[in-house]
């Protein structure tokens, strides 16, 4: 019986910690817009270099397409972030 209570206690604490972390992660006031913009710019530049390397070294079409897709999505995120930062 004490073992069952210990397992239940650990499960309950785990659920509480998960819920608290999830709620904190969704708190928009904790997101640093300048840092996020810098991170997106860095990631977009890195993906562009990676795509150039993949094309130059003739990687497989699937790998090039995957990098190109991620680069496109990151560019769109960056454009949205830059657009919203100009509105402030």
PDB file of N, CA and C in Angstrom:
ATOM      1  N   UNK A   1       0.810  -1.203   0.000  1.00  0.00           N
ATOM      2  CA  UNK A   1       0.000   0.000   0.000  1.00  0.00           C
ATOM      3  C   UNK A   1       0.857   1.272   0.000  1.00  0.00           C
ATOM      4  N   UNK A   2       1.924   1.365   0.798  1.00  0.00           N
ATOM      5  CA  UNK A   2       2.740   2.586   0.760  1.00  0.00           C
ATOM      6  C   UNK A   2       3.391   2.798  -0.616  1.00  0.00           C
ATOM      7  N   UNK A   3       3.704   1.694  -1.303  1.00  0.00           N
ATOM      8  CA  UNK A   3       4.308   1.831  -2.622  1.00  0.00           C
ATOM      9  C   UNK A   3       3.333   2.476  -3.606  1.00  0.00           C
ATOM     10  N   UNK A   4       2.081   2.097  -3.512  1.00  0.00           N
ATOM     11  CA  UNK A   4       1.063   2.672  -4.394  1.00  0.00           C
ATOM     12  C   UNK A   4       0.903   4.169  -4.133  1.00  0.00           C
ATOM     13  N   UNK A   5       0.957   4.562  -2.859  1.00  0.00           N
ATOM     14  CA  UNK A   5       0.863   5.983  -2.532  1.00  0.00           C
ATOM     15  C   UNK A   5       2.075   6.744  -3.065  1.00  0.00           C
ATOM     16  N   UNK A   6       3.242   6.146  -2.990  1.00  0.00           N
ATOM     17  CA  UNK A   6       4.452   6.789  -3.512  1.00  0.00           C
ATOM     18  C   UNK A   6       4.356   6.982  -5.023  1.00  0.00           C
ATOM     19  N   UNK A   7       3.879   5.972  -5.718  1.00  0.00           N
ATOM     20  CA  UNK A   7       3.725   6.072  -7.169  1.00  0.00           C
ATOM     21  C   UNK A   7       2.690   7.139  -7.507  1.00  0.00           C
ATOM     22  N   UNK A   8       1.575   7.164  -6.789  1.00  0.00           N
ATOM     23  CA  UNK A   8       0.546   8.171  -7.019  1.00  0.00           C
ATOM     24  C   UNK A   8       1.086   9.570  -6.748  1.00  0.00           C
ATOM     25  N   UNK A   9       1.852   9.730  -5.695  1.00  0.00           N
ATOM     26  CA  UNK A   9       2.436  11.034  -5.340  1.00  0.00           C
ATOM     27  C   UNK A   9       3.373  11.512  -6.457  1.00  0.00           C
ATOM     28  N   UNK A  10       4.225  10.630  -6.940  1.00  0.00           N
ATOM     29  CA  UNK A  10       5.164  10.991  -8.004  1.00  0.00           C
ATOM     30  C   UNK A  10       4.400  11.362  -9.281  1.00  0.00           C
ATOM     31  N   UNK A  11       3.364  10.615  -9.595  1.00  0.00           N
ATOM     32  CA  UNK A  11       2.552  10.914 -10.762  1.00  0.00           C
ATOM     33  C   UNK A  11       1.879  12.279 -10.622  1.00  0.00           C
ATOM     34  N   UNK A  12       1.327  12.559  -9.444  1.00  0.00           N
ATOM     35  CA  UNK A  12       0.645  13.838  -9.212  1.00  0.00           C
ATOM     36  C   UNK A  12       1.630  15.008  -9.326  1.00  0.00           C
ATOM     37  N   UNK A  13       2.807  14.870  -8.744  1.00  0.00           N
ATOM     38  CA  UNK A  13       3.814  15.929  -8.824  1.00  0.00           C
ATOM     39  C   UNK A  13       4.254  16.120 -10.271  1.00  0.00           C
ATOM     40  N   UNK A  14       4.411  15.042 -11.006  1.00  0.00           N
ATOM     41  CA  UNK A  14       4.817  15.133 -12.417  1.00  0.00           C
ATOM     42  C   UNK A  14       3.773  15.879 -13.240  1.00  0.00           C
ATOM     43  N   UNK A  15       2.515  15.595 -13.010  1.00  0.00           N
ATOM     44  CA  UNK A  15       1.443  16.269 -13.747  1.00  0.00           C
ATOM     45  C   UNK A  15       1.432  17.760 -13.405  1.00  0.00           C
ATOM     46  N   UNK A  16       1.619  18.103 -12.154  1.00  0.00           N
ATOM     47  CA  UNK A  16       1.631  19.507 -11.738  1.00  0.00           C
ATOM     48  C   UNK A  16       2.815  20.239 -12.366  1.00  0.00           C
ATOM     49  N   UNK A  17       3.992  19.624 -12.353  1.00  0.00           N
ATOM     50  CA  UNK A  17       5.182  20.247 -12.945  1.00  0.00           C
ATOM     51  C   UNK A  17       4.987  20.423 -14.454  1.00  0.00           C
ATOM     52  N   UNK A  18       4.451  19.416 -15.119  1.00  0.00           N
ATOM     53  CA  UNK A  18       4.199  19.516 -16.555  1.00  0.00           C
ATOM     54  C   UNK A  18       3.233  20.652 -16.857  1.00  0.00           C
ATOM     55  N   UNK A  19       2.143  20.742 -16.117  1.00  0.00           N
ATOM     56  CA  UNK A  19       1.147  21.792 -16.355  1.00  0.00           C
ATOM     57  C   UNK A  19       1.746  23.179 -16.118  1.00  0.00           C
ATOM     58  N   UNK A  20       2.536  23.327 -15.076  1.00  0.00           N
ATOM     59  CA  UNK A  20       3.161  24.617 -14.792  1.00  0.00           C
ATOM     60  C   UNK A  20       4.137  25.004 -15.900  1.00  0.00           C
ATOM     61  N   UNK A  21       4.938  24.063 -16.372  1.00  0.00           N
ATOM     62  CA  UNK A  21       5.896  24.345 -17.443  1.00  0.00           C
ATOM     63  C   UNK A  21       5.170  24.674 -18.741  1.00  0.00           C
ATOM     64  N   UNK A  22       4.098  23.972 -19.025  1.00  0.00           N
ATOM     65  CA  UNK A  22       3.333  24.219 -20.237  1.00  0.00           C
ATOM     66  C   UNK A  22       2.715  25.613 -20.204  1.00  0.00           C
ATOM     67  N   UNK A  23       2.120  25.990 -19.071  1.00  0.00           N
ATOM     68  CA  UNK A  23       1.517  27.315 -18.956  1.00  0.00           C
ATOM     69  C   UNK A  23       2.567  28.414 -19.036  1.00  0.00           C
ATOM     70  N   UNK A  24       3.723  28.198 -18.428  1.00  0.00           N
ATOM     71  CA  UNK A  24       4.791  29.193 -18.477  1.00  0.00           C
ATOM     72  C   UNK A  24       5.330  29.336 -19.899  1.00  0.00           C
ATOM     73  N   UNK A  25       5.399  28.253 -20.625  1.00  0.00           N
ATOM     74  CA  UNK A  25       5.872  28.301 -21.998  1.00  0.00           C
ATOM     75  C   UNK A  25       4.932  29.034 -22.933  1.00  0.00           C
ATOM     76  N   UNK A  26       3.678  29.087 -22.589  1.00  0.00           N
ATOM     77  CA  UNK A  26       2.688  29.773 -23.427  1.00  0.00           C
ATOM     78  C   UNK A  26       2.502  31.232 -23.034  1.00  0.00           C
ATOM     79  N   UNK A  27       3.206  31.698 -21.988  1.00  0.00           N
ATOM     80  CA  UNK A  27       3.081  33.074 -21.519  1.00  0.00           C
ATOM     81  C   UNK A  27       3.835  33.996 -22.479  1.00  0.00           C
ATOM     82  N   UNK A  28       3.110  34.754 -23.279  1.00  0.00           N
ATOM     83  CA  UNK A  28       3.725  35.607 -24.286  1.00  0.00           C
ATOM     84  C   UNK A  28       4.547  36.737 -23.697  1.00  0.00           C
ATOM     85  N   UNK A  29       4.298  37.102 -22.451  1.00  0.00           N
ATOM     86  CA  UNK A  29       5.068  38.187 -21.846  1.00  0.00           C
ATOM     87  C   UNK A  29       6.500  37.760 -21.545  1.00  0.00           C
ATOM     88  N   UNK A  30       6.782  36.456 -21.554  1.00  0.00           N
ATOM     89  CA  UNK A  30       8.128  35.977 -21.271  1.00  0.00           C
ATOM     90  C   UNK A  30       8.997  35.870 -22.526  1.00  0.00           C
ATOM     91  N   UNK A  31       8.400  36.081 -23.700  1.00  0.00           N
ATOM     92  CA  UNK A  31       9.151  35.968 -24.950  1.00  0.00           C
ATOM     93  C   UNK A  31       9.840  37.292 -25.233  1.00  0.00           C
ATOM     94  N   UNK A  32      11.158  37.241 -25.424  1.00  0.00           N
ATOM     95  CA  UNK A  32      11.949  38.419 -25.742  1.00  0.00           C
ATOM     96  C   UNK A  32      11.936  38.591 -27.262  1.00  0.00           C
ATOM     97  N   UNK A  33      11.263  39.602 -27.755  1.00  0.00           N
ATOM     98  CA  UNK A  33      11.089  39.792 -29.194  1.00  0.00           C
ATOM     99  C   UNK A  33      12.420  40.050 -29.902  1.00  0.00           C
ATOM    100  N   UNK A  34      13.300  40.815 -29.281  1.00  0.00           N
ATOM    101  CA  UNK A  34      14.590  41.105 -29.918  1.00  0.00           C
ATOM    102  C   UNK A  34      15.436  39.851 -30.045  1.00  0.00           C
ATOM    103  N   UNK A  35      15.440  39.037 -29.006  1.00  0.00           N
ATOM    104  CA  UNK A  35      16.196  37.787 -29.052  1.00  0.00           C
ATOM    105  C   UNK A  35      15.611  36.844 -30.104  1.00  0.00           C
ATOM    106  N   UNK A  36      14.297  36.774 -30.177  1.00  0.00           N
ATOM    107  CA  UNK A  36      13.644  35.900 -31.146  1.00  0.00           C
ATOM    108  C   UNK A  36      13.953  36.353 -32.572  1.00  0.00           C
ATOM    109  N   UNK A  37      13.957  37.656 -32.814  1.00  0.00           N
ATOM    110  CA  UNK A  37      14.294  38.187 -34.129  1.00  0.00           C
ATOM    111  C   UNK A  37      15.739  37.861 -34.496  1.00  0.00           C
ATOM    112  N   UNK A  38      16.640  38.014 -33.555  1.00  0.00           N
ATOM    113  CA  UNK A  38      18.048  37.684 -33.782  1.00  0.00           C
ATOM    114  C   UNK A  38      18.210  36.186 -34.064  1.00  0.00           C
ATOM    115  N   UNK A  39      17.508  35.359 -33.308  1.00  0.00           N
ATOM    116  CA  UNK A  39      17.592  33.916 -33.496  1.00  0.00           C
ATOM    117  C   UNK A  39      17.080  33.517 -34.880  1.00  0.00           C
ATOM    118  N   UNK A  40      15.966  34.111 -35.303  1.00  0.00           N
ATOM    119  CA  UNK A  40      15.420  33.800 -36.627  1.00  0.00           C
ATOM    120  C   UNK A  40      16.364  34.243 -37.740  1.00  0.00           C
ATOM    121  N   UNK A  41      16.977  35.414 -37.593  1.00  0.00           N
ATOM    122  CA  UNK A  41      17.929  35.876 -38.614  1.00  0.00           C
ATOM    123  C   UNK A  41      19.122  34.938 -38.717  1.00  0.00           C
ATOM    124  N   UNK A  42      19.625  34.518 -37.573  1.00  0.00           N
ATOM    125  CA  UNK A  42      20.770  33.606 -37.559  1.00  0.00           C
ATOM    126  C   UNK A  42      20.392  32.264 -38.189  1.00  0.00           C
ATOM    127  N   UNK A  43      19.232  31.755 -37.840  1.00  0.00           N
ATOM    128  CA  UNK A  43      18.790  30.456 -38.361  1.00  0.00           C
ATOM    129  C   UNK A  43      18.557  30.521 -39.874  1.00  0.00           C
ATOM    130  N   UNK A  44      17.979  31.633 -40.340  1.00  0.00           N
ATOM    131  CA  UNK A  44      17.734  31.793 -41.779  1.00  0.00           C
ATOM    132  C   UNK A  44      19.055  31.847 -42.547  1.00  0.00           C
ATOM    133  N   UNK A  45      20.038  32.571 -42.025  1.00  0.00           N
ATOM    134  CA  UNK A  45      21.344  32.653 -42.680  1.00  0.00           C
ATOM    135  C   UNK A  45      22.028  31.292 -42.699  1.00  0.00           C
ATOM    136  N   UNK A  46      21.940  30.568 -41.593  1.00  0.00           N
ATOM    137  CA  UNK A  46      22.542  29.237 -41.522  1.00  0.00           C
ATOM    138  C   UNK A  46      21.895  28.289 -42.531  1.00  0.00           C
ATOM    139  N   UNK A  47      20.577  28.345 -42.636  1.00  0.00           N
ATOM    140  CA  UNK A  47      19.876  27.487 -43.596  1.00  0.00           C
ATOM    141  C   UNK A  47      20.235  27.851 -45.035  1.00  0.00           C
ATOM    142  N   UNK A  48      20.404  29.140 -45.313  1.00  0.00           N
ATOM    143  CA  UNK A  48      20.782  29.564 -46.654  1.00  0.00           C
ATOM    144  C   UNK A  48      22.155  28.995 -47.022  1.00  0.00           C
ATOM    145  N   UNK A  49      23.101  29.082 -46.078  1.00  0.00           N
ATOM    146  CA  UNK A  49      24.435  28.511 -46.320  1.00  0.00           C
ATOM    147  C   UNK A  49      24.360  26.995 -46.489  1.00  0.00           C
ATOM    148  N   UNK A  50      23.557  26.377 -45.690  1.00  0.00           N
ATOM    149  CA  UNK A  50      23.400  24.919 -45.759  1.00  0.00           C
ATOM    150  C   UNK A  50      22.801  24.503 -47.110  1.00  0.00           C
ATOM    151  N   UNK A  51      21.835  25.273 -47.583  1.00  0.00           N
ATOM    152  CA  UNK A  51      21.205  24.983 -48.868  1.00  0.00           C
ATOM    153  C   UNK A  51      22.210  25.153 -50.018  1.00  0.00           C
ATOM    154  N   UNK A  52      23.010  26.215 -49.946  1.00  0.00           N
ATOM    155  CA  UNK A  52      24.047  26.422 -50.965  1.00  0.00           C
ATOM    156  C   UNK A  52      25.043  25.263 -50.975  1.00  0.00           C
ATOM    157  N   UNK A  53      25.448  24.815 -49.792  1.00  0.00           N
ATOM    158  CA  UNK A  53      26.376  23.686 -49.689  1.00  0.00           C
ATOM    159  C   UNK A  53      25.752  22.417 -50.265  1.00  0.00           C
ATOM    160  N   UNK A  54      24.501  22.180 -49.929  1.00  0.00           N
ATOM    161  CA  UNK A  54      23.814  20.975 -50.414  1.00  0.00           C
ATOM    162  C   UNK A  54      23.717  20.967 -51.933  1.00  0.00           C
ATOM    163  N   UNK A  55      23.418  22.116 -52.508  1.00  0.00           N
ATOM    164  CA  UNK A  55      23.320  22.184 -53.967  1.00  0.00           C
ATOM    165  C   UNK A  55      24.696  22.054 -54.620  1.00  0.00           C
ATOM    166  N   UNK A  56      25.715  22.688 -54.024  1.00  0.00           N
ATOM    167  CA  UNK A  56      27.064  22.624 -54.580  1.00  0.00           C
ATOM    168  C   UNK A  56      27.622  21.205 -54.541  1.00  0.00           C
ATOM    169  N   UNK A  57      27.357  20.503 -53.428  1.00  0.00           N
ATOM    170  CA  UNK A  57      27.864  19.137 -53.268  1.00  0.00           C
ATOM    171  C   UNK A  57      26.903  18.086 -53.818  1.00  0.00           C
ATOM    172  N   UNK A  58      25.812  18.531 -54.407  1.00  0.00           N
ATOM    173  CA  UNK A  58      24.823  17.651 -55.040  1.00  0.00           C
ATOM    174  C   UNK A  58      24.313  16.563 -54.091  1.00  0.00           C
ATOM    175  N   UNK A  59      23.790  17.028 -52.961  1.00  0.00           N
ATOM    176  CA  UNK A  59      23.167  16.104 -52.025  1.00  0.00           C
ATOM    177  C   UNK A  59      21.907  15.544 -52.684  1.00  0.00           C
ATOM    178  N   UNK A  60      21.279  14.600 -52.017  1.00  0.00           N
ATOM    179  CA  UNK A  60      20.071  13.995 -52.589  1.00  0.00           C
ATOM    180  C   UNK A  60      18.954  15.041 -52.702  1.00  0.00           C
ATOM    181  N   UNK A  61      18.068  14.797 -53.636  1.00  0.00           N
ATOM    182  CA  UNK A  61      16.964  15.730 -53.875  1.00  0.00           C
ATOM    183  C   UNK A  61      16.083  15.890 -52.638  1.00  0.00           C
ATOM    184  N   UNK A  62      15.890  14.801 -51.901  1.00  0.00           N
ATOM    185  CA  UNK A  62      15.065  14.861 -50.685  1.00  0.00           C
ATOM    186  C   UNK A  62      15.694  15.765 -49.631  1.00  0.00           C
ATOM    187  N   UNK A  63      17.002  15.666 -49.463  1.00  0.00           N
ATOM    188  CA  UNK A  63      17.684  16.502 -48.470  1.00  0.00           C
ATOM    189  C   UNK A  63      17.634  17.970 -48.872  1.00  0.00           C
ATOM    190  N   UNK A  64      17.869  18.247 -50.150  1.00  0.00           N
ATOM    191  CA  UNK A  64      17.824  19.631 -50.630  1.00  0.00           C
ATOM    192  C   UNK A  64      16.412  20.196 -50.482  1.00  0.00           C
ATOM    193  N   UNK A  65      15.427  19.395 -50.826  1.00  0.00           N
ATOM    194  CA  UNK A  65      14.031  19.843 -50.694  1.00  0.00           C
ATOM    195  C   UNK A  65      13.668  20.105 -49.238  1.00  0.00           C
ATOM    196  N   UNK A  66      14.148  19.266 -48.329  1.00  0.00           N
ATOM    197  CA  UNK A  66      13.870  19.465 -46.904  1.00  0.00           C
ATOM    198  C   UNK A  66      14.494  20.745 -46.376  1.00  0.00           C
ATOM    199  N   UNK A  67      15.739  20.993 -46.775  1.00  0.00           N
ATOM    200  CA  UNK A  67      16.409  22.224 -46.333  1.00  0.00           C
ATOM    201  C   UNK A  67      15.722  23.438 -46.938  1.00  0.00           C
ATOM    202  N   UNK A  68      15.361  23.351 -48.222  1.00  0.00           N
ATOM    203  CA  UNK A  68      14.681  24.467 -48.885  1.00  0.00           C
ATOM    204  C   UNK A  68      13.335  24.757 -48.220  1.00  0.00           C
ATOM    205  N   UNK A  69      12.616  23.718 -47.855  1.00  0.00           N
ATOM    206  CA  UNK A  69      11.319  23.894 -47.188  1.00  0.00           C
ATOM    207  C   UNK A  69      11.493  24.566 -45.827  1.00  0.00           C
ATOM    208  N   UNK A  70      12.463  24.099 -45.068  1.00  0.00           N
ATOM    209  CA  UNK A  70      12.708  24.707 -43.752  1.00  0.00           C
ATOM    210  C   UNK A  70      13.171  26.151 -43.908  1.00  0.00           C
ATOM    211  N   UNK A  71      14.000  26.418 -44.913  1.00  0.00           N
ATOM    212  CA  UNK A  71      14.452  27.789 -45.169  1.00  0.00           C
ATOM    213  C   UNK A  71      13.261  28.686 -45.518  1.00  0.00           C
ATOM    214  N   UNK A  72      12.348  28.177 -46.334  1.00  0.00           N
ATOM    215  CA  UNK A  72      11.164  28.947 -46.701  1.00  0.00           C
ATOM    216  C   UNK A  72      10.297  29.257 -45.475  1.00  0.00           C
ATOM    217  N   UNK A  73      10.067  28.249 -44.646  1.00  0.00           N
ATOM    218  CA  UNK A  73       9.254  28.470 -43.433  1.00  0.00           C
ATOM    219  C   UNK A  73       9.920  29.463 -42.500  1.00  0.00           C
ATOM    220  N   UNK A  74      11.240  29.359 -42.337  1.00  0.00           N
ATOM    221  CA  UNK A  74      11.956  30.281 -41.463  1.00  0.00           C
ATOM    222  C   UNK A  74      11.918  31.695 -42.026  1.00  0.00           C
ATOM    223  N   UNK A  75      12.029  31.830 -43.338  1.00  0.00           N
ATOM    224  CA  UNK A  75      11.954  33.153 -43.970  1.00  0.00           C
ATOM    225  C   UNK A  75      10.589  33.788 -43.741  1.00  0.00           C
ATOM    226  N   UNK A  76       9.536  32.982 -43.823  1.00  0.00           N
ATOM    227  CA  UNK A  76       8.193  33.508 -43.553  1.00  0.00           C
ATOM    228  C   UNK A  76       8.048  33.946 -42.095  1.00  0.00           C
ATOM    229  N   UNK A  77       8.575  33.138 -41.175  1.00  0.00           N
ATOM    230  CA  UNK A  77       8.535  33.516 -39.756  1.00  0.00           C
ATOM    231  C   UNK A  77       9.297  34.808 -39.529  1.00  0.00           C
ATOM    232  N   UNK A  78      10.457  34.932 -40.172  1.00  0.00           N
ATOM    233  CA  UNK A  78      11.274  36.132 -40.030  1.00  0.00           C
ATOM    234  C   UNK A  78      10.539  37.344 -40.588  1.00  0.00           C
ATOM    235  N   UNK A  79       9.903  37.195 -41.732  1.00  0.00           N
ATOM    236  CA  UNK A  79       9.151  38.313 -42.319  1.00  0.00           C
ATOM    237  C   UNK A  79       8.018  38.737 -41.392  1.00  0.00           C
ATOM    238  N   UNK A  80       7.326  37.779 -40.792  1.00  0.00           N
ATOM    239  CA  UNK A  80       6.248  38.125 -39.850  1.00  0.00           C
ATOM    240  C   UNK A  80       6.812  38.824 -38.626  1.00  0.00           C
ATOM    241  N   UNK A  81       7.950  38.334 -38.130  1.00  0.00           N
ATOM    242  CA  UNK A  81       8.557  38.927 -36.929  1.00  0.00           C
ATOM    243  C   UNK A  81       9.039  40.351 -37.206  1.00  0.00           C
ATOM    244  N   UNK A  82       9.644  40.551 -38.377  1.00  0.00           N
ATOM    245  CA  UNK A  82      10.113  41.889 -38.730  1.00  0.00           C
ATOM    246  C   UNK A  82       8.913  42.813 -38.921  1.00  0.00           C
ATOM    247  N   UNK A  83       7.867  42.334 -39.560  1.00  0.00           N
ATOM    248  CA  UNK A  83       6.675  43.145 -39.751  1.00  0.00           C
ATOM    249  C   UNK A  83       6.016  43.542 -38.445  1.00  0.00           C
ATOM    250  N   UNK A  84       5.957  42.617 -37.513  1.00  0.00           N
ATOM    251  CA  UNK A  84       5.328  42.932 -36.227  1.00  0.00           C
ATOM    252  C   UNK A  84       6.220  43.809 -35.366  1.00  0.00           C
ATOM    253  N   UNK A  85       7.550  43.742 -35.557  1.00  0.00           N
ATOM    254  CA  UNK A  85       8.433  44.596 -34.748  1.00  0.00           C
ATOM    255  C   UNK A  85       8.372  46.034 -35.236  1.00  0.00           C
ATOM    256  N   UNK A  86       8.025  46.242 -36.509  1.00  0.00           N
ATOM    257  CA  UNK A  86       7.894  47.616 -37.009  1.00  0.00           C
ATOM    258  C   UNK A  86       6.606  48.263 -36.545  1.00  0.00           C
ATOM    259  N   UNK A  87       5.658  47.448 -36.131  1.00  0.00           N
ATOM    260  CA  UNK A  87       4.375  47.988 -35.685  1.00  0.00           C
ATOM    261  C   UNK A  87       4.457  48.560 -34.273  1.00  0.00           C
ATOM    262  N   UNK A  88       5.488  48.180 -33.535  1.00  0.00           N
ATOM    263  CA  UNK A  88       5.594  48.653 -32.158  1.00  0.00           C
ATOM    264  C   UNK A  88       6.086  50.060 -32.090  1.00  0.00           C
TER     265      UNK A  88
END
